[in-house]
Amino acid sequence: MIGRLFYLAAGAALGGYAVHRVHRARRALTPGGIAERVEGQVSEYRGALRELNEDLAEAVREQEEELLRRYAPKKGRRAPTGADDRELPGPGGPPTVA
């Protein structure tokens, strides 16, 4: 008698689980279920792209700071002797050499 009750309870539990899985599968295949899945994926991609953009912007700022630190003229420093005194061409064209 106890064995039959055990199998009855096990069958009821498995049946309930099977119904739950079938209902979930049917819901996932409806247009609303597909839209929810797509929306979830899009929001994940959007978050990943935002994080990538922030990381790239930070890397660019760090690289720019490093370049400015290395190559920007410092206040109070004179150019080394023998440096080329010619300027870079501006909007008016290249400088003329006399």
N, C-alpha and C. Protein backbone atom coordinates (compact mmCIF):
# COMPACT_ATOMS: atom_id res chain seq x y z
N MET A 1 0.82 -1.18 0.00
CA MET A 1 0.00 0.00 0.00
C MET A 1 0.87 1.26 0.00
N ILE A 2 1.94 1.29 0.79
CA ILE A 2 2.84 2.43 0.84
C ILE A 2 3.53 2.60 -0.52
N GLY A 3 3.91 1.51 -1.14
CA GLY A 3 4.57 1.56 -2.45
C GLY A 3 3.67 2.20 -3.49
N ARG A 4 2.38 1.85 -3.46
CA ARG A 4 1.44 2.42 -4.43
C ARG A 4 1.28 3.92 -4.20
N LEU A 5 1.23 4.36 -2.94
CA LEU A 5 1.13 5.80 -2.65
C LEU A 5 2.38 6.55 -3.12
N PHE A 6 3.53 5.91 -2.95
CA PHE A 6 4.78 6.52 -3.40
C PHE A 6 4.74 6.72 -4.91
N TYR A 7 4.36 5.69 -5.65
CA TYR A 7 4.31 5.80 -7.10
C TYR A 7 3.24 6.78 -7.56
N LEU A 8 2.14 6.87 -6.82
CA LEU A 8 1.10 7.84 -7.14
C LEU A 8 1.64 9.26 -6.95
N ALA A 9 2.33 9.50 -5.85
CA ALA A 9 2.89 10.83 -5.59
C ALA A 9 3.99 11.16 -6.60
N ALA A 10 4.84 10.18 -6.92
CA ALA A 10 5.90 10.41 -7.90
C ALA A 10 5.30 10.71 -9.27
N GLY A 11 4.26 9.98 -9.66
CA GLY A 11 3.60 10.22 -10.94
C GLY A 11 2.94 11.59 -10.99
N ALA A 12 2.33 11.99 -9.89
CA ALA A 12 1.70 13.32 -9.84
C ALA A 12 2.77 14.42 -9.96
N ALA A 13 3.89 14.23 -9.28
CA ALA A 13 4.97 15.22 -9.34
C ALA A 13 5.55 15.30 -10.75
N LEU A 14 5.81 14.17 -11.36
CA LEU A 14 6.34 14.16 -12.72
C LEU A 14 5.34 14.74 -13.72
N GLY A 15 4.07 14.42 -13.53
CA GLY A 15 3.04 14.97 -14.40
C GLY A 15 2.95 16.48 -14.28
N GLY A 16 3.01 16.99 -13.05
CA GLY A 16 2.99 18.44 -12.83
C GLY A 16 4.19 19.12 -13.46
N TYR A 17 5.35 18.48 -13.33
CA TYR A 17 6.56 19.03 -13.93
C TYR A 17 6.46 19.04 -15.45
N ALA A 18 5.93 17.95 -16.02
CA ALA A 18 5.78 17.87 -17.47
C ALA A 18 4.81 18.95 -17.97
N VAL A 19 3.71 19.15 -17.27
CA VAL A 19 2.75 20.19 -17.66
C VAL A 19 3.41 21.56 -17.58
N HIS A 20 4.19 21.78 -16.54
CA HIS A 20 4.88 23.05 -16.38
C HIS A 20 5.84 23.29 -17.55
N ARG A 21 6.63 22.28 -17.93
CA ARG A 21 7.59 22.41 -19.02
C ARG A 21 6.88 22.66 -20.36
N VAL A 22 5.78 21.96 -20.60
CA VAL A 22 5.04 22.14 -21.85
C VAL A 22 4.45 23.55 -21.90
N HIS A 23 3.92 24.03 -20.78
CA HIS A 23 3.36 25.38 -20.75
C HIS A 23 4.45 26.42 -21.00
N ARG A 24 5.63 26.22 -20.42
CA ARG A 24 6.74 27.13 -20.61
C ARG A 24 7.21 27.13 -22.07
N ALA A 25 7.26 25.94 -22.68
CA ALA A 25 7.68 25.85 -24.07
C ALA A 25 6.67 26.53 -24.99
N ARG A 26 5.38 26.33 -24.72
CA ARG A 26 4.35 26.98 -25.53
C ARG A 26 4.43 28.49 -25.40
N ARG A 27 4.67 28.97 -24.19
CA ARG A 27 4.78 30.42 -23.96
C ARG A 27 5.99 30.99 -24.69
N ALA A 28 7.09 30.24 -24.72
CA ALA A 28 8.30 30.72 -25.36
C ALA A 28 8.13 30.82 -26.88
N LEU A 29 7.24 30.05 -27.45
CA LEU A 29 7.06 30.04 -28.90
C LEU A 29 5.97 31.00 -29.38
N THR A 30 5.31 31.69 -28.48
CA THR A 30 4.32 32.69 -28.88
C THR A 30 5.05 33.97 -29.28
N PRO A 31 4.41 34.84 -30.05
CA PRO A 31 5.07 36.10 -30.42
C PRO A 31 5.52 36.92 -29.21
N GLY A 32 4.72 36.93 -28.15
CA GLY A 32 5.11 37.67 -26.95
C GLY A 32 6.34 37.07 -26.30
N GLY A 33 6.42 35.74 -26.26
CA GLY A 33 7.59 35.08 -25.67
C GLY A 33 8.85 35.32 -26.48
N ILE A 34 8.70 35.28 -27.81
CA ILE A 34 9.86 35.56 -28.67
C ILE A 34 10.30 37.01 -28.49
N ALA A 35 9.34 37.92 -28.41
CA ALA A 35 9.68 39.34 -28.22
C ALA A 35 10.41 39.55 -26.90
N GLU A 36 9.99 38.87 -25.86
CA GLU A 36 10.67 39.00 -24.56
C GLU A 36 12.11 38.51 -24.64
N ARG A 37 12.32 37.39 -25.32
CA ARG A 37 13.68 36.86 -25.45
C ARG A 37 14.56 37.81 -26.26
N VAL A 38 14.01 38.32 -27.37
CA VAL A 38 14.78 39.24 -28.21
C VAL A 38 15.09 40.52 -27.44
N GLU A 39 14.11 41.03 -26.72
CA GLU A 39 14.32 42.24 -25.93
C GLU A 39 15.39 42.02 -24.87
N GLY A 40 15.38 40.86 -24.25
CA GLY A 40 16.41 40.55 -23.26
C GLY A 40 17.79 40.50 -23.87
N GLN A 41 17.91 39.89 -25.06
CA GLN A 41 19.21 39.83 -25.72
C GLN A 41 19.68 41.22 -26.14
N VAL A 42 18.77 42.03 -26.66
CA VAL A 42 19.13 43.38 -27.10
C VAL A 42 19.61 44.21 -25.91
N SER A 43 18.93 44.08 -24.78
CA SER A 43 19.36 44.86 -23.62
C SER A 43 20.72 44.38 -23.12
N GLU A 44 21.00 43.07 -23.22
CA GLU A 44 22.32 42.58 -22.84
C GLU A 44 23.39 43.14 -23.77
N TYR A 45 23.11 43.13 -25.08
CA TYR A 45 24.07 43.67 -26.04
C TYR A 45 24.26 45.17 -25.84
N ARG A 46 23.19 45.87 -25.55
CA ARG A 46 23.27 47.31 -25.33
C ARG A 46 24.18 47.59 -24.12
N GLY A 47 24.00 46.82 -23.06
CA GLY A 47 24.85 46.99 -21.88
C GLY A 47 26.30 46.67 -22.18
N ALA A 48 26.53 45.61 -22.95
CA ALA A 48 27.91 45.24 -23.30
C ALA A 48 28.55 46.32 -24.16
N LEU A 49 27.80 46.87 -25.11
CA LEU A 49 28.35 47.93 -25.96
C LEU A 49 28.63 49.19 -25.16
N ARG A 50 27.75 49.51 -24.21
CA ARG A 50 27.98 50.69 -23.36
C ARG A 50 29.26 50.50 -22.55
N GLU A 51 29.44 49.31 -22.00
CA GLU A 51 30.64 49.03 -21.21
C GLU A 51 31.89 49.09 -22.08
N LEU A 52 31.81 48.55 -23.30
CA LEU A 52 32.94 48.62 -24.22
C LEU A 52 33.26 50.06 -24.56
N ASN A 53 32.25 50.87 -24.82
CA ASN A 53 32.45 52.28 -25.14
C ASN A 53 33.13 53.01 -23.98
N GLU A 54 32.70 52.74 -22.76
CA GLU A 54 33.31 53.37 -21.58
C GLU A 54 34.77 52.94 -21.43
N ASP A 55 35.04 51.65 -21.65
CA ASP A 55 36.42 51.16 -21.54
C ASP A 55 37.31 51.79 -22.61
N LEU A 56 36.80 51.89 -23.84
CA LEU A 56 37.59 52.50 -24.90
C LEU A 56 37.83 53.98 -24.64
N ALA A 57 36.82 54.68 -24.16
CA ALA A 57 37.00 56.10 -23.86
C ALA A 57 38.04 56.29 -22.77
N GLU A 58 38.02 55.44 -21.77
CA GLU A 58 39.01 55.53 -20.69
C GLU A 58 40.42 55.25 -21.23
N ALA A 59 40.54 54.25 -22.09
CA ALA A 59 41.85 53.93 -22.67
C ALA A 59 42.36 55.08 -23.53
N VAL A 60 41.47 55.72 -24.29
CA VAL A 60 41.87 56.85 -25.12
C VAL A 60 42.32 58.01 -24.23
N ARG A 61 41.60 58.28 -23.14
CA ARG A 61 42.00 59.36 -22.23
C ARG A 61 43.37 59.07 -21.62
N GLU A 62 43.59 57.83 -21.20
CA GLU A 62 44.88 57.48 -20.62
C GLU A 62 46.00 57.65 -21.63
N GLN A 63 45.76 57.20 -22.87
CA GLN A 63 46.78 57.33 -23.91
C GLN A 63 47.06 58.80 -24.22
N GLU A 64 46.00 59.61 -24.27
CA GLU A 64 46.17 61.03 -24.53
C GLU A 64 46.96 61.70 -23.41
N GLU A 65 46.66 61.36 -22.16
CA GLU A 65 47.40 61.93 -21.03
C GLU A 65 48.87 61.54 -21.11
N GLU A 66 49.14 60.29 -21.47
CA GLU A 66 50.52 59.83 -21.58
C GLU A 66 51.26 60.59 -22.69
N LEU A 67 50.60 60.78 -23.83
CA LEU A 67 51.23 61.53 -24.92
C LEU A 67 51.45 62.99 -24.54
N LEU A 68 50.47 63.59 -23.87
CA LEU A 68 50.64 64.98 -23.44
C LEU A 68 51.77 65.09 -22.42
N ARG A 69 51.85 64.15 -21.51
CA ARG A 69 52.92 64.16 -20.51
C ARG A 69 54.28 64.03 -21.19
N ARG A 70 54.34 63.22 -22.22
CA ARG A 70 55.61 62.94 -22.86
C ARG A 70 56.03 64.06 -23.83
N TYR A 71 55.08 64.59 -24.60
CA TYR A 71 55.45 65.48 -25.69
C TYR A 71 55.01 66.93 -25.54
N ALA A 72 54.16 67.26 -24.62
CA ALA A 72 53.71 68.65 -24.46
C ALA A 72 54.84 69.47 -23.86
N PRO A 73 55.01 70.72 -24.33
CA PRO A 73 56.08 71.55 -23.75
C PRO A 73 55.74 71.90 -22.31
N LYS A 74 56.74 71.83 -21.49
CA LYS A 74 56.57 72.14 -20.07
C LYS A 74 56.87 73.62 -19.86
N LYS A 75 56.18 74.24 -18.93
CA LYS A 75 56.41 75.65 -18.62
C LYS A 75 57.78 75.79 -17.95
N GLY A 76 58.49 76.82 -18.36
CA GLY A 76 59.78 77.09 -17.74
C GLY A 76 60.93 76.29 -18.34
N ARG A 77 60.66 75.43 -19.31
CA ARG A 77 61.74 74.67 -19.94
C ARG A 77 62.10 75.33 -21.27
N ARG A 78 63.39 75.44 -21.50
CA ARG A 78 63.85 76.00 -22.77
C ARG A 78 64.10 74.85 -23.73
N ALA A 79 64.01 75.16 -24.99
CA ALA A 79 64.31 74.16 -26.00
C ALA A 79 65.80 73.87 -25.96
N PRO A 80 66.22 72.66 -26.21
CA PRO A 80 67.65 72.35 -26.21
C PRO A 80 68.38 73.14 -27.30
N THR A 81 69.66 73.43 -27.05
CA THR A 81 70.43 74.21 -28.02
C THR A 81 70.56 73.40 -29.30
N GLY A 82 70.56 74.11 -30.41
CA GLY A 82 70.69 73.44 -31.69
C GLY A 82 69.35 72.94 -32.21
N ALA A 83 68.28 73.28 -31.54
CA ALA A 83 66.97 72.82 -32.00
C ALA A 83 66.57 73.60 -33.24
N ASP A 84 65.79 72.98 -34.05
CA ASP A 84 65.32 73.63 -35.28
C ASP A 84 64.33 74.71 -34.91
N ASP A 85 64.58 75.96 -35.32
CA ASP A 85 63.73 77.09 -34.94
C ASP A 85 62.58 77.31 -35.90
N ARG A 86 62.51 76.54 -36.96
CA ARG A 86 61.41 76.73 -37.91
C ARG A 86 60.10 76.29 -37.28
N GLU A 87 59.04 76.96 -37.69
CA GLU A 87 57.71 76.63 -37.16
C GLU A 87 56.99 75.72 -38.14
N LEU A 88 55.97 75.07 -37.65
CA LEU A 88 55.14 74.26 -38.53
C LEU A 88 54.29 75.17 -39.40
N PRO A 89 53.97 74.74 -40.60
CA PRO A 89 53.14 75.59 -41.47
C PRO A 89 51.79 75.83 -40.84
N GLY A 90 51.33 77.06 -40.92
CA GLY A 90 50.02 77.41 -40.40
C GLY A 90 49.03 77.51 -41.54
N PRO A 91 47.91 78.15 -41.26
CA PRO A 91 46.88 78.27 -42.31
C PRO A 91 47.32 79.15 -43.46
N GLY A 92 48.31 79.99 -43.25
CA GLY A 92 48.77 80.89 -44.32
C GLY A 92 49.74 80.23 -45.28
N GLY A 93 50.11 79.01 -45.05
CA GLY A 93 51.05 78.32 -45.93
C GLY A 93 52.37 78.09 -45.23
N PRO A 94 53.30 77.48 -45.91
CA PRO A 94 54.60 77.19 -45.29
C PRO A 94 55.42 78.47 -45.13
N PRO A 95 56.27 78.50 -44.10
CA PRO A 95 57.10 79.69 -43.91
C PRO A 95 58.14 79.79 -45.00
N THR A 96 58.50 80.99 -45.32
CA THR A 96 59.52 81.20 -46.34
C THR A 96 60.88 81.29 -45.66
N VAL A 97 61.86 80.72 -46.30
CA VAL A 97 63.23 80.75 -45.78
C VAL A 97 64.00 81.81 -46.55
N ALA A 98 64.63 82.74 -45.83
CA ALA A 98 65.33 83.85 -46.51
C ALA A 98 66.77 83.55 -46.73
